[in-house]
Structure formats: C-alpha cells, structure tokens
Amino acid sequence: MIWLEQQSLTPNLILLPKTSTSKDVTNLNGLLREINIKCPVLAIIETAEGLDNATEIAKTPNVQGICFGSADYTAETGGTMDWDSLVYPRGRIVQAAACGEVLAIDGAWLSITDTEGLSIESSRLPGLGFDGRVAIHPSQIKTIHEAFLPSPADIERAKKIIDA
C-alpha cells in the first residue's frame, strides 16, 4: 500500500511485489488514479503463476519493467538459487519483457558480503537480455553497474554505426 502524507510526496516508481496477474497491476493503477498519482510500476514476478503470466503482466498499461524475484520463486518451486536452476525463469522474464517492450530486471543478490559471486553472476545477466539488477545494499551498486557497462567492442561498434 502507498502511504503519502497529504499527497505531497510522489514516488518515481512503485514496486509491486508478488505480481501474479495483469489484474494485480490494473488494481494498483485504479488506486493510483483515485489518489491522483501518475507513477510507473515495476512488477515483481515471484511465483510460478506470475511467471506463467509474465508476458500479459509486461503488456499491462503503466508497467515500465518486470523484475524476477528469484528467492520467493525458488522457495515456492523447490528450486535452488544457483545459475542453472534459474536460467529458465530468467529467460521467461527476458522474453516477457521483450514482448511487452519493458525493462527486464533481475532480482537481488542476497549475499551482501560475496562481491565476487555478485560480480560473476551479474556479468552473465546482460547476455541473457537483462537491463539491470536490483541492489539490496549500497555496496553492491558499483559491482552491478560494472556488469552492465558496454564492452569496448560494443562501444566501438556503436561509434561505427553513428559514423555511418
């Protein structure tokens, strides 16, 4: 629920956890209209049902991106938090985001002190098609930013395209 003192504060983005269907977003959009707030939504897909409906969710008005909540997803499905276990649901998130023309955001790296693990996993995400990743601690931001920087080859290719 959104708490705004006298509607004087307007959020830049609303995270909608446990988004399972497009109706979840539609209901939130209705609440936002009632309080005269225009704000994009980042729908967090954390359940098997949500993953099944990810494309529909990504295409819902006001959704700016979809985010994969891997911890809750694996808790529900009985999977593990390792790379191989999460390749399929991550791929579905990227596919759904592409269909909806919204951002694909991966979930948080939960081991705050494991910067090496964060770096290794985050560096693999752009190759799947992710646009970013959630940080749960300020110490993670630099590592995540570095993982999503374009490579020197990407920069050179972009320069050639611009020149052409």
N, C-alpha and C. Protein backbone atom coordinates (compact mmCIF):
# COMPACT_ATOMS: atom_id res chain seq x y z
N MET A 1 0.84 -1.18 0.00
CA MET A 1 0.00 0.00 0.00
C MET A 1 0.89 1.24 0.00
N ILE A 2 0.41 2.26 -0.59
CA ILE A 2 1.15 3.52 -0.70
C ILE A 2 0.72 4.46 0.40
N TRP A 3 1.67 5.02 1.11
CA TRP A 3 1.36 5.99 2.14
C TRP A 3 2.00 7.31 1.75
N LEU A 4 1.18 8.30 1.48
CA LEU A 4 1.67 9.62 1.10
C LEU A 4 1.03 10.65 2.02
N GLU A 5 1.85 11.41 2.70
CA GLU A 5 1.32 12.45 3.58
C GLU A 5 0.70 13.55 2.73
N GLN A 6 -0.57 13.69 2.81
CA GLN A 6 -1.31 14.75 2.12
C GLN A 6 -0.95 14.82 0.64
N GLN A 7 -0.59 13.71 0.04
CA GLN A 7 -0.22 13.62 -1.36
C GLN A 7 0.88 14.60 -1.75
N SER A 8 1.71 14.99 -0.82
CA SER A 8 2.78 15.93 -1.12
C SER A 8 4.01 15.24 -1.68
N LEU A 9 4.13 13.96 -1.46
CA LEU A 9 5.26 13.21 -1.98
C LEU A 9 4.77 12.29 -3.10
N THR A 10 5.42 12.35 -4.22
CA THR A 10 5.04 11.50 -5.35
C THR A 10 6.19 10.56 -5.64
N PRO A 11 5.95 9.26 -5.63
CA PRO A 11 7.03 8.31 -5.93
C PRO A 11 7.41 8.36 -7.40
N ASN A 12 8.66 7.99 -7.69
CA ASN A 12 9.14 7.91 -9.07
C ASN A 12 8.79 6.56 -9.70
N LEU A 13 8.63 5.56 -8.86
CA LEU A 13 8.36 4.21 -9.31
C LEU A 13 7.74 3.44 -8.15
N ILE A 14 6.81 2.56 -8.47
CA ILE A 14 6.23 1.71 -7.44
C ILE A 14 6.59 0.27 -7.76
N LEU A 15 7.14 -0.42 -6.77
CA LEU A 15 7.43 -1.84 -6.90
C LEU A 15 6.20 -2.61 -6.44
N LEU A 16 5.73 -3.51 -7.30
CA LEU A 16 4.55 -4.29 -6.96
C LEU A 16 4.98 -5.74 -6.74
N PRO A 17 5.18 -6.12 -5.47
CA PRO A 17 5.64 -7.49 -5.18
C PRO A 17 4.55 -8.52 -5.44
N LYS A 18 5.00 -9.76 -5.66
CA LYS A 18 4.09 -10.90 -5.83
C LYS A 18 3.05 -10.66 -6.93
N THR A 19 3.47 -10.00 -8.00
CA THR A 19 2.55 -9.79 -9.12
C THR A 19 2.30 -11.13 -9.79
N SER A 20 1.05 -11.56 -9.78
CA SER A 20 0.69 -12.86 -10.34
C SER A 20 -0.09 -12.77 -11.64
N THR A 21 -0.86 -11.68 -11.79
CA THR A 21 -1.66 -11.50 -13.00
C THR A 21 -1.67 -10.01 -13.37
N SER A 22 -2.11 -9.73 -14.58
CA SER A 22 -2.22 -8.33 -15.01
C SER A 22 -3.25 -7.59 -14.16
N LYS A 23 -4.20 -8.32 -13.60
CA LYS A 23 -5.22 -7.69 -12.75
C LYS A 23 -4.59 -7.04 -11.51
N ASP A 24 -3.49 -7.61 -11.02
CA ASP A 24 -2.79 -7.00 -9.88
C ASP A 24 -2.34 -5.58 -10.23
N VAL A 25 -1.80 -5.43 -11.44
CA VAL A 25 -1.35 -4.11 -11.88
C VAL A 25 -2.55 -3.20 -12.16
N THR A 26 -3.56 -3.74 -12.80
CA THR A 26 -4.76 -2.96 -13.10
C THR A 26 -5.39 -2.43 -11.81
N ASN A 27 -5.44 -3.25 -10.78
CA ASN A 27 -5.98 -2.80 -9.48
C ASN A 27 -5.13 -1.68 -8.89
N LEU A 28 -3.80 -1.83 -8.97
CA LEU A 28 -2.91 -0.77 -8.47
C LEU A 28 -3.12 0.51 -9.28
N ASN A 29 -3.22 0.38 -10.59
CA ASN A 29 -3.45 1.56 -11.43
C ASN A 29 -4.73 2.29 -11.01
N GLY A 30 -5.77 1.52 -10.68
CA GLY A 30 -7.01 2.13 -10.21
C GLY A 30 -6.82 2.90 -8.91
N LEU A 31 -6.08 2.31 -7.98
CA LEU A 31 -5.80 3.00 -6.72
C LEU A 31 -5.01 4.28 -6.95
N LEU A 32 -4.04 4.22 -7.86
CA LEU A 32 -3.23 5.40 -8.16
C LEU A 32 -4.09 6.52 -8.76
N ARG A 33 -5.03 6.15 -9.64
CA ARG A 33 -5.93 7.15 -10.22
C ARG A 33 -6.79 7.80 -9.13
N GLU A 34 -7.24 6.99 -8.19
CA GLU A 34 -8.09 7.51 -7.10
C GLU A 34 -7.37 8.57 -6.28
N ILE A 35 -6.08 8.44 -6.12
CA ILE A 35 -5.33 9.42 -5.32
C ILE A 35 -4.53 10.38 -6.21
N ASN A 36 -4.86 10.36 -7.51
CA ASN A 36 -4.28 11.30 -8.47
C ASN A 36 -2.76 11.22 -8.54
N ILE A 37 -2.25 10.01 -8.60
CA ILE A 37 -0.81 9.78 -8.72
C ILE A 37 -0.53 9.14 -10.07
N LYS A 38 0.39 9.72 -10.82
CA LYS A 38 0.86 9.12 -12.07
C LYS A 38 2.27 8.63 -11.81
N CYS A 39 2.43 7.32 -11.84
CA CYS A 39 3.71 6.73 -11.48
C CYS A 39 3.83 5.36 -12.16
N PRO A 40 4.97 5.09 -12.81
CA PRO A 40 5.14 3.78 -13.43
C PRO A 40 5.31 2.68 -12.38
N VAL A 41 5.09 1.45 -12.85
CA VAL A 41 5.13 0.28 -11.98
C VAL A 41 6.22 -0.68 -12.44
N LEU A 42 6.95 -1.24 -11.48
CA LEU A 42 7.86 -2.35 -11.73
C LEU A 42 7.21 -3.56 -11.08
N ALA A 43 6.71 -4.47 -11.90
CA ALA A 43 6.03 -5.66 -11.40
C ALA A 43 7.07 -6.72 -11.05
N ILE A 44 7.02 -7.20 -9.82
CA ILE A 44 7.97 -8.22 -9.38
C ILE A 44 7.31 -9.58 -9.51
N ILE A 45 7.92 -10.43 -10.33
CA ILE A 45 7.42 -11.77 -10.60
C ILE A 45 8.14 -12.71 -9.64
N GLU A 46 7.39 -13.27 -8.68
CA GLU A 46 8.00 -14.08 -7.62
C GLU A 46 7.33 -15.44 -7.45
N THR A 47 6.36 -15.75 -8.31
CA THR A 47 5.63 -17.01 -8.17
C THR A 47 5.55 -17.72 -9.51
N ALA A 48 5.23 -19.01 -9.45
CA ALA A 48 5.05 -19.77 -10.69
C ALA A 48 3.90 -19.19 -11.51
N GLU A 49 2.83 -18.80 -10.85
CA GLU A 49 1.71 -18.18 -11.56
C GLU A 49 2.14 -16.88 -12.23
N GLY A 50 2.89 -16.08 -11.51
CA GLY A 50 3.38 -14.83 -12.09
C GLY A 50 4.26 -15.08 -13.30
N LEU A 51 5.12 -16.08 -13.22
CA LEU A 51 5.99 -16.40 -14.36
C LEU A 51 5.14 -16.86 -15.54
N ASP A 52 4.12 -17.64 -15.27
CA ASP A 52 3.23 -18.11 -16.33
C ASP A 52 2.51 -16.95 -17.02
N ASN A 53 2.23 -15.88 -16.28
CA ASN A 53 1.51 -14.72 -16.80
C ASN A 53 2.42 -13.53 -17.09
N ALA A 54 3.72 -13.75 -17.12
CA ALA A 54 4.68 -12.64 -17.22
C ALA A 54 4.48 -11.78 -18.47
N THR A 55 4.19 -12.38 -19.60
CA THR A 55 4.01 -11.59 -20.83
C THR A 55 2.79 -10.68 -20.70
N GLU A 56 1.69 -11.23 -20.21
CA GLU A 56 0.47 -10.45 -20.00
C GLU A 56 0.75 -9.29 -19.03
N ILE A 57 1.48 -9.58 -17.97
CA ILE A 57 1.83 -8.55 -16.98
C ILE A 57 2.67 -7.46 -17.63
N ALA A 58 3.66 -7.86 -18.42
CA ALA A 58 4.56 -6.90 -19.07
C ALA A 58 3.82 -5.99 -20.05
N LYS A 59 2.73 -6.47 -20.60
CA LYS A 59 1.95 -5.69 -21.57
C LYS A 59 0.87 -4.82 -20.91
N THR A 60 0.76 -4.87 -19.61
CA THR A 60 -0.27 -4.12 -18.89
C THR A 60 0.10 -2.63 -18.86
N PRO A 61 -0.86 -1.74 -19.13
CA PRO A 61 -0.56 -0.31 -19.07
C PRO A 61 0.08 0.08 -17.74
N ASN A 62 1.05 0.98 -17.84
CA ASN A 62 1.76 1.58 -16.72
C ASN A 62 2.91 0.72 -16.21
N VAL A 63 3.09 -0.48 -16.74
CA VAL A 63 4.24 -1.31 -16.35
C VAL A 63 5.46 -0.82 -17.12
N GLN A 64 6.49 -0.44 -16.39
CA GLN A 64 7.72 0.02 -17.01
C GLN A 64 8.75 -1.10 -17.10
N GLY A 65 8.60 -2.10 -16.25
CA GLY A 65 9.52 -3.23 -16.27
C GLY A 65 8.98 -4.36 -15.42
N ILE A 66 9.59 -5.53 -15.63
CA ILE A 66 9.28 -6.66 -14.77
C ILE A 66 10.58 -7.14 -14.15
N CYS A 67 10.48 -7.55 -12.92
CA CYS A 67 11.64 -7.94 -12.12
C CYS A 67 11.44 -9.37 -11.64
N PHE A 68 12.51 -10.15 -11.68
CA PHE A 68 12.44 -11.53 -11.23
C PHE A 68 12.81 -11.61 -9.75
N GLY A 69 11.86 -12.07 -8.94
CA GLY A 69 12.10 -12.30 -7.51
C GLY A 69 12.49 -13.75 -7.30
N SER A 70 13.77 -14.04 -7.50
CA SER A 70 14.25 -15.42 -7.51
C SER A 70 14.12 -16.13 -6.17
N ALA A 71 14.31 -15.43 -5.07
CA ALA A 71 14.27 -16.09 -3.76
C ALA A 71 12.88 -16.66 -3.46
N ASP A 72 11.86 -15.84 -3.63
CA ASP A 72 10.50 -16.32 -3.37
C ASP A 72 10.08 -17.35 -4.42
N TYR A 73 10.52 -17.15 -5.66
CA TYR A 73 10.19 -18.12 -6.72
C TYR A 73 10.76 -19.50 -6.38
N THR A 74 12.03 -19.56 -5.99
CA THR A 74 12.63 -20.87 -5.67
C THR A 74 12.04 -21.45 -4.39
N ALA A 75 11.65 -20.60 -3.46
CA ALA A 75 11.01 -21.11 -2.24
C ALA A 75 9.69 -21.81 -2.60
N GLU A 76 8.97 -21.24 -3.57
CA GLU A 76 7.71 -21.84 -3.97
C GLU A 76 7.91 -23.10 -4.82
N THR A 77 8.87 -23.07 -5.72
CA THR A 77 9.03 -24.17 -6.67
C THR A 77 9.94 -25.28 -6.16
N GLY A 78 10.69 -25.02 -5.09
CA GLY A 78 11.60 -26.03 -4.57
C GLY A 78 12.94 -26.04 -5.26
N GLY A 79 13.19 -25.06 -6.10
CA GLY A 79 14.48 -24.95 -6.79
C GLY A 79 15.56 -24.38 -5.89
N THR A 80 16.72 -24.18 -6.47
CA THR A 80 17.84 -23.58 -5.74
C THR A 80 18.17 -22.24 -6.37
N MET A 81 18.99 -21.48 -5.68
CA MET A 81 19.36 -20.15 -6.14
C MET A 81 20.60 -20.17 -7.04
N ASP A 82 21.00 -21.34 -7.53
CA ASP A 82 22.18 -21.36 -8.39
C ASP A 82 21.81 -21.02 -9.84
N TRP A 83 22.82 -20.70 -10.63
CA TRP A 83 22.62 -20.22 -12.00
C TRP A 83 21.77 -21.17 -12.84
N ASP A 84 22.15 -22.45 -12.86
CA ASP A 84 21.46 -23.41 -13.72
C ASP A 84 19.98 -23.54 -13.37
N SER A 85 19.66 -23.51 -12.10
CA SER A 85 18.28 -23.64 -11.66
C SER A 85 17.42 -22.46 -12.11
N LEU A 86 18.06 -21.31 -12.29
CA LEU A 86 17.31 -20.08 -12.58
C LEU A 86 17.35 -19.65 -14.04
N VAL A 87 18.05 -20.39 -14.89
CA VAL A 87 18.16 -19.99 -16.30
C VAL A 87 16.78 -19.93 -16.96
N TYR A 88 15.96 -20.96 -16.78
CA TYR A 88 14.65 -20.95 -17.42
C TYR A 88 13.78 -19.78 -16.97
N PRO A 89 13.54 -19.59 -15.67
CA PRO A 89 12.66 -18.47 -15.30
C PRO A 89 13.26 -17.11 -15.70
N ARG A 90 14.57 -16.98 -15.64
CA ARG A 90 15.17 -15.72 -16.09
C ARG A 90 14.92 -15.51 -17.58
N GLY A 91 15.06 -16.57 -18.36
CA GLY A 91 14.78 -16.46 -19.79
C GLY A 91 13.34 -16.05 -20.06
N ARG A 92 12.41 -16.59 -19.29
CA ARG A 92 11.00 -16.23 -19.44
C ARG A 92 10.76 -14.75 -19.10
N ILE A 93 11.46 -14.26 -18.08
CA ILE A 93 11.32 -12.85 -17.71
C ILE A 93 11.80 -11.97 -18.86
N VAL A 94 12.95 -12.30 -19.43
CA VAL A 94 13.50 -11.53 -20.54
C VAL A 94 12.56 -11.58 -21.75
N GLN A 95 12.05 -12.76 -22.05
CA GLN A 95 11.12 -12.92 -23.18
C GLN A 95 9.87 -12.06 -22.96
N ALA A 96 9.30 -12.15 -21.79
CA ALA A 96 8.08 -11.40 -21.48
C ALA A 96 8.34 -9.89 -21.57
N ALA A 97 9.46 -9.46 -21.04
CA ALA A 97 9.81 -8.03 -21.10
C ALA A 97 9.95 -7.58 -22.54
N ALA A 98 10.57 -8.40 -23.37
CA ALA A 98 10.72 -8.05 -24.78
C ALA A 98 9.36 -7.96 -25.46
N CYS A 99 8.48 -8.89 -25.17
CA CYS A 99 7.12 -8.87 -25.75
C CYS A 99 6.36 -7.62 -25.32
N GLY A 100 6.54 -7.21 -24.09
CA GLY A 100 5.85 -6.03 -23.57
C GLY A 100 6.60 -4.74 -23.81
N GLU A 101 7.80 -4.83 -24.39
CA GLU A 101 8.66 -3.67 -24.64
C GLU A 101 8.91 -2.87 -23.36
N VAL A 102 9.24 -3.62 -22.28
CA VAL A 102 9.57 -3.02 -20.99
C VAL A 102 10.93 -3.54 -20.53
N LEU A 103 11.42 -3.00 -19.44
CA LEU A 103 12.71 -3.41 -18.90
C LEU A 103 12.63 -4.79 -18.24
N ALA A 104 13.71 -5.54 -18.37
CA ALA A 104 13.86 -6.83 -17.67
C ALA A 104 14.90 -6.61 -16.58
N ILE A 105 14.49 -6.77 -15.34
CA ILE A 105 15.37 -6.53 -14.19
C ILE A 105 15.50 -7.83 -13.40
N ASP A 106 16.73 -8.24 -13.12
CA ASP A 106 16.92 -9.44 -12.31
C ASP A 106 16.84 -9.07 -10.84
N GLY A 107 16.57 -10.06 -10.04
CA GLY A 107 16.41 -9.86 -8.60
C GLY A 107 17.72 -9.63 -7.88
N ALA A 108 17.61 -9.52 -6.60
CA ALA A 108 18.74 -9.18 -5.75
C ALA A 108 19.69 -10.35 -5.53
N TRP A 109 20.95 -10.02 -5.36
CA TRP A 109 21.97 -10.96 -4.90
C TRP A 109 21.93 -10.85 -3.38
N LEU A 110 21.58 -11.95 -2.72
CA LEU A 110 21.27 -11.89 -1.30
C LEU A 110 22.47 -11.91 -0.37
N SER A 111 23.60 -12.39 -0.85
CA SER A 111 24.80 -12.47 -0.01
C SER A 111 25.59 -11.16 -0.12
N ILE A 112 25.28 -10.23 0.74
CA ILE A 112 25.84 -8.88 0.65
C ILE A 112 27.37 -8.88 0.66
N THR A 113 27.98 -9.76 1.43
CA THR A 113 29.44 -9.76 1.53
C THR A 113 30.14 -10.50 0.40
N ASP A 114 29.41 -11.24 -0.43
CA ASP A 114 30.00 -12.02 -1.53
C ASP A 114 30.02 -11.19 -2.81
N THR A 115 30.95 -10.24 -2.87
CA THR A 115 31.02 -9.38 -4.05
C THR A 115 31.54 -10.13 -5.28
N GLU A 116 32.36 -11.15 -5.07
CA GLU A 116 32.85 -11.93 -6.21
C GLU A 116 31.69 -12.70 -6.86
N GLY A 117 30.86 -13.34 -6.04
CA GLY A 117 29.70 -14.04 -6.57
C GLY A 117 28.74 -13.09 -7.28
N LEU A 118 28.53 -11.92 -6.69
CA LEU A 118 27.68 -10.89 -7.30
C LEU A 118 28.23 -10.49 -8.66
N SER A 119 29.53 -10.28 -8.73
CA SER A 119 30.16 -9.87 -9.98
C SER A 119 30.04 -10.94 -11.06
N ILE A 120 30.32 -12.18 -10.68
CA ILE A 120 30.27 -13.28 -11.65
C ILE A 120 28.85 -13.45 -12.19
N GLU A 121 27.87 -13.53 -11.29
CA GLU A 121 26.50 -13.73 -11.75
C GLU A 121 25.98 -12.52 -12.52
N SER A 122 26.24 -11.33 -12.03
CA SER A 122 25.75 -10.11 -12.69
C SER A 122 26.34 -9.96 -14.09
N SER A 123 27.58 -10.37 -14.27
CA SER A 123 28.21 -10.23 -15.60
C SER A 123 27.56 -11.15 -16.63
N ARG A 124 26.86 -12.17 -16.19
CA ARG A 124 26.18 -13.09 -17.10
C ARG A 124 24.78 -12.58 -17.50
N LEU A 125 24.22 -11.69 -16.73
CA LEU A 125 22.84 -11.25 -16.96
C LEU A 125 22.63 -10.48 -18.26
N PRO A 126 23.52 -9.56 -18.65
CA PRO A 126 23.29 -8.87 -19.92
C PRO A 126 23.25 -9.84 -21.11
N GLY A 127 24.00 -10.91 -21.05
CA GLY A 127 23.99 -11.90 -22.12
C GLY A 127 22.66 -12.61 -22.26
N LEU A 128 21.89 -12.66 -21.19
CA LEU A 128 20.53 -13.23 -21.25
C LEU A 128 19.52 -12.20 -21.75
N GLY A 129 19.90 -10.93 -21.68
CA GLY A 129 18.99 -9.88 -22.12
C GLY A 129 18.47 -8.97 -21.02
N PHE A 130 19.00 -9.11 -19.82
CA PHE A 130 18.55 -8.25 -18.72
C PHE A 130 19.09 -6.84 -18.88
N ASP A 131 18.28 -5.88 -18.43
CA ASP A 131 18.64 -4.47 -18.48
C ASP A 131 19.26 -3.98 -17.18
N GLY A 132 19.12 -4.74 -16.12
CA GLY A 132 19.63 -4.32 -14.82
C GLY A 132 19.36 -5.36 -13.77
N ARG A 133 19.72 -4.99 -12.56
CA ARG A 133 19.56 -5.89 -11.42
C ARG A 133 19.26 -5.06 -10.18
N VAL A 134 18.49 -5.62 -9.27
CA VAL A 134 18.17 -4.98 -8.01
C VAL A 134 19.38 -5.05 -7.08
N ALA A 135 19.65 -3.97 -6.36
CA ALA A 135 20.67 -3.96 -5.31
C ALA A 135 19.95 -3.87 -3.97
N ILE A 136 20.40 -4.67 -3.01
CA ILE A 136 19.78 -4.58 -1.68
C ILE A 136 20.69 -3.89 -0.67
N HIS A 137 21.88 -3.50 -1.14
CA HIS A 137 22.81 -2.80 -0.25
C HIS A 137 23.65 -1.86 -1.11
N PRO A 138 23.94 -0.66 -0.61
CA PRO A 138 24.73 0.29 -1.40
C PRO A 138 26.08 -0.27 -1.87
N SER A 139 26.66 -1.19 -1.11
CA SER A 139 27.96 -1.75 -1.51
C SER A 139 27.87 -2.57 -2.80
N GLN A 140 26.67 -2.93 -3.23
CA GLN A 140 26.50 -3.73 -4.44
C GLN A 140 26.39 -2.90 -5.71
N ILE A 141 26.12 -1.63 -5.58
CA ILE A 141 25.81 -0.80 -6.74
C ILE A 141 26.96 -0.75 -7.75
N LYS A 142 28.16 -0.49 -7.30
CA LYS A 142 29.30 -0.38 -8.21
C LYS A 142 29.50 -1.67 -9.00
N THR A 143 29.43 -2.81 -8.33
CA THR A 143 29.61 -4.10 -8.99
C THR A 143 28.54 -4.34 -10.04
N ILE A 144 27.31 -4.00 -9.72
CA ILE A 144 26.21 -4.18 -10.67
C ILE A 144 26.39 -3.23 -11.85
N HIS A 145 26.73 -1.99 -11.60
CA HIS A 145 26.96 -1.04 -12.69
C HIS A 145 28.05 -1.56 -13.63
N GLU A 146 29.14 -2.04 -13.07
CA GLU A 146 30.24 -2.55 -13.89
C GLU A 146 29.80 -3.71 -14.77
N ALA A 147 28.94 -4.56 -14.25
CA ALA A 147 28.47 -5.72 -15.02
C ALA A 147 27.63 -5.31 -16.22
N PHE A 148 26.97 -4.17 -16.14
CA PHE A 148 26.08 -3.74 -17.22
C PHE A 148 26.69 -2.67 -18.12
N LEU A 149 27.97 -2.35 -17.91
CA LEU A 149 28.64 -1.41 -18.81
C LEU A 149 28.84 -2.06 -20.17
N PRO A 150 28.76 -1.28 -21.25
CA PRO A 150 29.05 -1.86 -22.55
C PRO A 150 30.54 -2.22 -22.66
N SER A 151 30.82 -3.27 -23.40
CA SER A 151 32.21 -3.68 -23.60
C SER A 151 32.89 -2.71 -24.56
N PRO A 152 34.23 -2.69 -24.59
CA PRO A 152 34.92 -1.85 -25.57
C PRO A 152 34.49 -2.17 -27.00
N ALA A 153 34.25 -3.44 -27.29
CA ALA A 153 33.79 -3.82 -28.64
C ALA A 153 32.41 -3.24 -28.93
N ASP A 154 31.51 -3.23 -27.93
CA ASP A 154 30.18 -2.64 -28.11
C ASP A 154 30.28 -1.14 -28.37
N ILE A 155 31.16 -0.48 -27.64
CA ILE A 155 31.35 0.97 -27.82
C ILE A 155 31.89 1.27 -29.21
N GLU A 156 32.86 0.50 -29.65
CA GLU A 156 33.45 0.69 -30.98
C GLU A 156 32.40 0.46 -32.08
N ARG A 157 31.61 -0.57 -31.91
CA ARG A 157 30.54 -0.87 -32.89
C ARG A 157 29.54 0.28 -32.95
N ALA A 158 29.16 0.83 -31.79
CA ALA A 158 28.22 1.95 -31.74
C ALA A 158 28.80 3.17 -32.44
N LYS A 159 30.09 3.43 -32.22
CA LYS A 159 30.73 4.56 -32.89
C LYS A 159 30.70 4.40 -34.40
N LYS A 160 30.94 3.20 -34.88
CA LYS A 160 30.91 2.94 -36.33
C LYS A 160 29.51 3.14 -36.90
N ILE A 161 28.50 2.73 -36.14
CA ILE A 161 27.12 2.92 -36.58
C ILE A 161 26.80 4.42 -36.67
N ILE A 162 27.22 5.16 -35.66
CA ILE A 162 26.96 6.60 -35.65
C ILE A 162 27.67 7.27 -36.83
N ASP A 163 28.92 6.88 -37.07
CA ASP A 163 29.69 7.45 -38.18
C ASP A 163 29.06 7.14 -39.53
N ALA A 164 28.49 5.95 -39.65
CA ALA A 164 27.88 5.55 -40.93
C ALA A 164 26.61 6.35 -41.15
